[in-house]
C-alpha atoms as a PDB file:
ATOM      1  CA  MET A   1     -46.605 -45.239  -8.600  1.00  0.00           C
ATOM      2  CA  GLU A   2     -43.384 -43.848 -10.027  1.00  0.00           C
ATOM      3  CA  ILE A   3     -41.758 -40.805  -8.443  1.00  0.00           C
ATOM      4  CA  GLU A   4     -40.677 -38.175 -10.937  1.00  0.00           C
ATOM      5  CA  LEU A   5     -37.528 -36.353  -9.956  1.00  0.00           C
ATOM      6  CA  SER A   6     -37.163 -32.746 -11.001  1.00  0.00           C
ATOM      7  CA  TYR A   7     -33.415 -32.995 -11.669  1.00  0.00           C
ATOM      8  CA  ASP A   8     -31.151 -35.762 -12.902  1.00  0.00           C
ATOM      9  CA  MET A   9     -27.581 -36.286 -11.685  1.00  0.00           C
ATOM     10  CA  ASP A  10     -26.079 -34.206 -14.507  1.00  0.00           C
ATOM     11  CA  GLU A  11     -28.342 -31.293 -13.597  1.00  0.00           C
ATOM     12  CA  LEU A  12     -27.422 -31.629  -9.913  1.00  0.00           C
ATOM     13  CA  ILE A  13     -23.759 -31.494 -10.897  1.00  0.00           C
ATOM     14  CA  GLU A  14     -24.380 -28.382 -13.016  1.00  0.00           C
ATOM     15  CA  LEU A  15     -26.161 -26.729 -10.079  1.00  0.00           C
ATOM     16  CA  GLN A  16     -23.266 -27.672  -7.789  1.00  0.00           C
ATOM     17  CA  GLU A  17     -20.754 -26.168 -10.212  1.00  0.00           C
ATOM     18  CA  ALA A  18     -22.818 -22.970 -10.495  1.00  0.00           C
ATOM     19  CA  ALA A  19     -23.075 -22.748  -6.700  1.00  0.00           C
ATOM     20  CA  ASP A  20     -19.328 -23.278  -6.358  1.00  0.00           C
ATOM     21  CA  ASP A  21     -18.599 -20.565  -8.932  1.00  0.00           C
ATOM     22  CA  ALA A  22     -20.942 -18.108  -7.216  1.00  0.00           C
ATOM     23  CA  HIS A  23     -19.461 -18.924  -3.800  1.00  0.00           C
ATOM     24  CA  ALA A  24     -15.968 -18.339  -5.171  1.00  0.00           C
ATOM     25  CA  VAL A  25     -17.036 -14.806  -6.142  1.00  0.00           C
ATOM     26  CA  VAL A  26     -18.224 -14.162  -2.572  1.00  0.00           C
ATOM     27  CA  LYS A  27     -14.965 -15.491  -1.120  1.00  0.00           C
ATOM     28  CA  ARG A  28     -12.863 -13.497  -3.604  1.00  0.00           C
ATOM     29  CA  LEU A  29     -14.705 -10.296  -2.705  1.00  0.00           C
ATOM     30  CA  GLN A  30     -14.188 -10.928   1.003  1.00  0.00           C
ATOM     31  CA  GLU A  31     -10.472 -11.457   0.449  1.00  0.00           C
ATOM     32  CA  GLU A  32     -10.135  -8.385  -1.768  1.00  0.00           C
ATOM     33  CA  LEU A  33     -12.149  -6.084   0.481  1.00  0.00           C
ATOM     34  CA  GLY A  34     -10.568  -7.078   3.772  1.00  0.00           C
ATOM     35  CA  GLY A  35     -12.283  -6.325   7.068  1.00  0.00           C
ATOM     36  CA  VAL A  36     -15.988  -5.555   6.789  1.00  0.00           C
ATOM     37  CA  GLN A  37     -15.574  -2.543   9.074  1.00  0.00           C
ATOM     38  CA  LYS A  38     -13.696  -0.727   6.286  1.00  0.00           C
ATOM     39  CA  TRP A  39     -16.160  -1.425   3.463  1.00  0.00           C
ATOM     40  CA  THR A  40     -17.824   1.434   1.661  1.00  0.00           C
ATOM     41  CA  ASP A  41     -21.565   1.343   1.002  1.00  0.00           C
ATOM     42  CA  GLU A  42     -20.822   0.271  -2.577  1.00  0.00           C
ATOM     43  CA  GLN A  43     -18.637  -2.577  -1.366  1.00  0.00           C
ATOM     44  CA  HIS A  44     -21.365  -3.759   0.998  1.00  0.00           C
ATOM     45  CA  VAL A  45     -23.814  -3.745  -1.920  1.00  0.00           C
ATOM     46  CA  ALA A  46     -21.378  -5.626  -4.168  1.00  0.00           C
ATOM     47  CA  TRP A  47     -20.809  -8.303  -1.512  1.00  0.00           C
ATOM     48  CA  ARG A  48     -24.530  -8.596  -0.720  1.00  0.00           C
ATOM     49  CA  ASP A  49     -25.367  -8.953  -4.423  1.00  0.00           C
ATOM     50  CA  ALA A  50     -22.735 -11.682  -4.826  1.00  0.00           C
ATOM     51  CA  TRP A  51     -24.052 -13.450  -1.725  1.00  0.00           C
ATOM     52  CA  GLU A  52     -27.630 -13.277  -3.054  1.00  0.00           C
ATOM     53  CA  ASP A  53     -26.462 -14.675  -6.411  1.00  0.00           C
ATOM     54  CA  TRP A  54     -24.848 -17.581  -4.561  1.00  0.00           C
ATOM     55  CA  ARG A  55     -28.000 -18.196  -2.503  1.00  0.00           C
ATOM     56  CA  ALA A  56     -30.142 -18.104  -5.641  1.00  0.00           C
ATOM     57  CA  VAL A  57     -28.188 -21.079  -6.975  1.00  0.00           C
ATOM     58  CA  TRP A  58     -27.572 -22.900  -3.693  1.00  0.00           C
ATOM     59  CA  GLU A  59     -31.199 -23.007  -2.510  1.00  0.00           C
ATOM     60  CA  PRO A  60     -32.542 -24.950  -5.539  1.00  0.00           C
ATOM     61  CA  LEU A  61     -29.586 -27.323  -5.266  1.00  0.00           C
ATOM     62  CA  ASP A  62     -30.193 -27.833  -1.555  1.00  0.00           C
ATOM     63  CA  ASP A  63     -33.898 -28.481  -2.137  1.00  0.00           C
ATOM     64  CA  ALA A  64     -33.188 -30.872  -5.031  1.00  0.00           C
ATOM     65  CA  LEU A  65     -30.660 -32.837  -2.982  1.00  0.00           C
ATOM     66  CA  THR A  66     -33.124 -33.213  -0.123  1.00  0.00           C
ATOM     67  CA  HIS A  67     -35.956 -34.203  -2.464  1.00  0.00           C
ATOM     68  CA  HIS A  68     -33.835 -36.747  -4.358  1.00  0.00           C
ATOM     69  CA  ALA A  69     -32.459 -38.302  -1.193  1.00  0.00           C
ATOM     70  CA  GLU A  70     -35.945 -38.727   0.264  1.00  0.00           C
ATOM     71  CA  ALA A  71     -37.437 -40.028  -2.998  1.00  0.00           C
ATOM     72  CA  LEU A  72     -34.647 -42.539  -3.547  1.00  0.00           C
ATOM     73  CA  GLY A  73     -34.221 -43.543   0.081  1.00  0.00           C
ATOM     74  CA  LEU A  74     -30.657 -42.240   0.196  1.00  0.00           C
ATOM     75  CA  ASP A  75     -28.775 -40.464   2.938  1.00  0.00           C
ATOM     76  CA  ARG A  76     -28.884 -36.765   2.034  1.00  0.00           C
ATOM     77  CA  ASP A  77     -25.280 -36.126   3.078  1.00  0.00           C
ATOM     78  CA  GLU A  78     -24.044 -39.080   1.032  1.00  0.00           C
ATOM     79  CA  LEU A  79     -25.913 -37.830  -2.043  1.00  0.00           C
ATOM     80  CA  GLU A  80     -24.469 -34.344  -1.576  1.00  0.00           C
ATOM     81  CA  ALA A  81     -20.967 -35.813  -1.226  1.00  0.00           C
ATOM     82  CA  ALA A  82     -21.447 -37.808  -4.451  1.00  0.00           C
ATOM     83  CA  VAL A  83     -22.628 -34.712  -6.335  1.00  0.00           C
ATOM     84  CA  ARG A  84     -19.783 -32.605  -4.937  1.00  0.00           C
ATOM     85  CA  GLN A  85     -17.247 -35.263  -5.875  1.00  0.00           C
ATOM     86  CA  ALA A  86     -18.696 -35.594  -9.391  1.00  0.00           C
ATOM     87  CA  ALA A  87     -18.477 -31.799  -9.736  1.00  0.00           C
ATOM     88  CA  GLY A  88     -14.807 -31.912  -8.775  1.00  0.00           C
ATOM     89  CA  VAL A  89     -15.203 -30.397  -5.320  1.00  0.00           C
ATOM     90  CA  PRO A  90     -12.564 -31.769  -2.954  1.00  0.00           C
ATOM     91  CA  LEU A  91     -14.145 -33.642  -0.082  1.00  0.00           C
ATOM     92  CA  PRO A  92     -13.141 -32.636   3.452  1.00  0.00           C
ATOM     93  CA  VAL A  93     -10.364 -34.681   4.964  1.00  0.00           C
ATOM     94  CA  GLU A  94     -11.410 -36.410   8.174  1.00  0.00           C
ATOM     95  CA  ASP A  95      -8.804 -36.655  10.928  1.00  0.00           C
END
């Protein structure tokens, strides 16, 4: 019996890039807005919306990575690292 995977590597890379772009918006907003204690209601809404947009992309990627790793007998973290590297995300430097 053949296992059908819902995403191929190119699609995983596209999801990773979309998640990275959405996360960059969240980080940019945090930097621009400064301390959360000073945010207006509108700023809280803007940040929450950006965070939800990021989650909406990250969750399918996270699920797909887990599913692919299990289906292919791969280590999930290694698969994620390969996708991140293929998407041009710098890997963390280990001391």
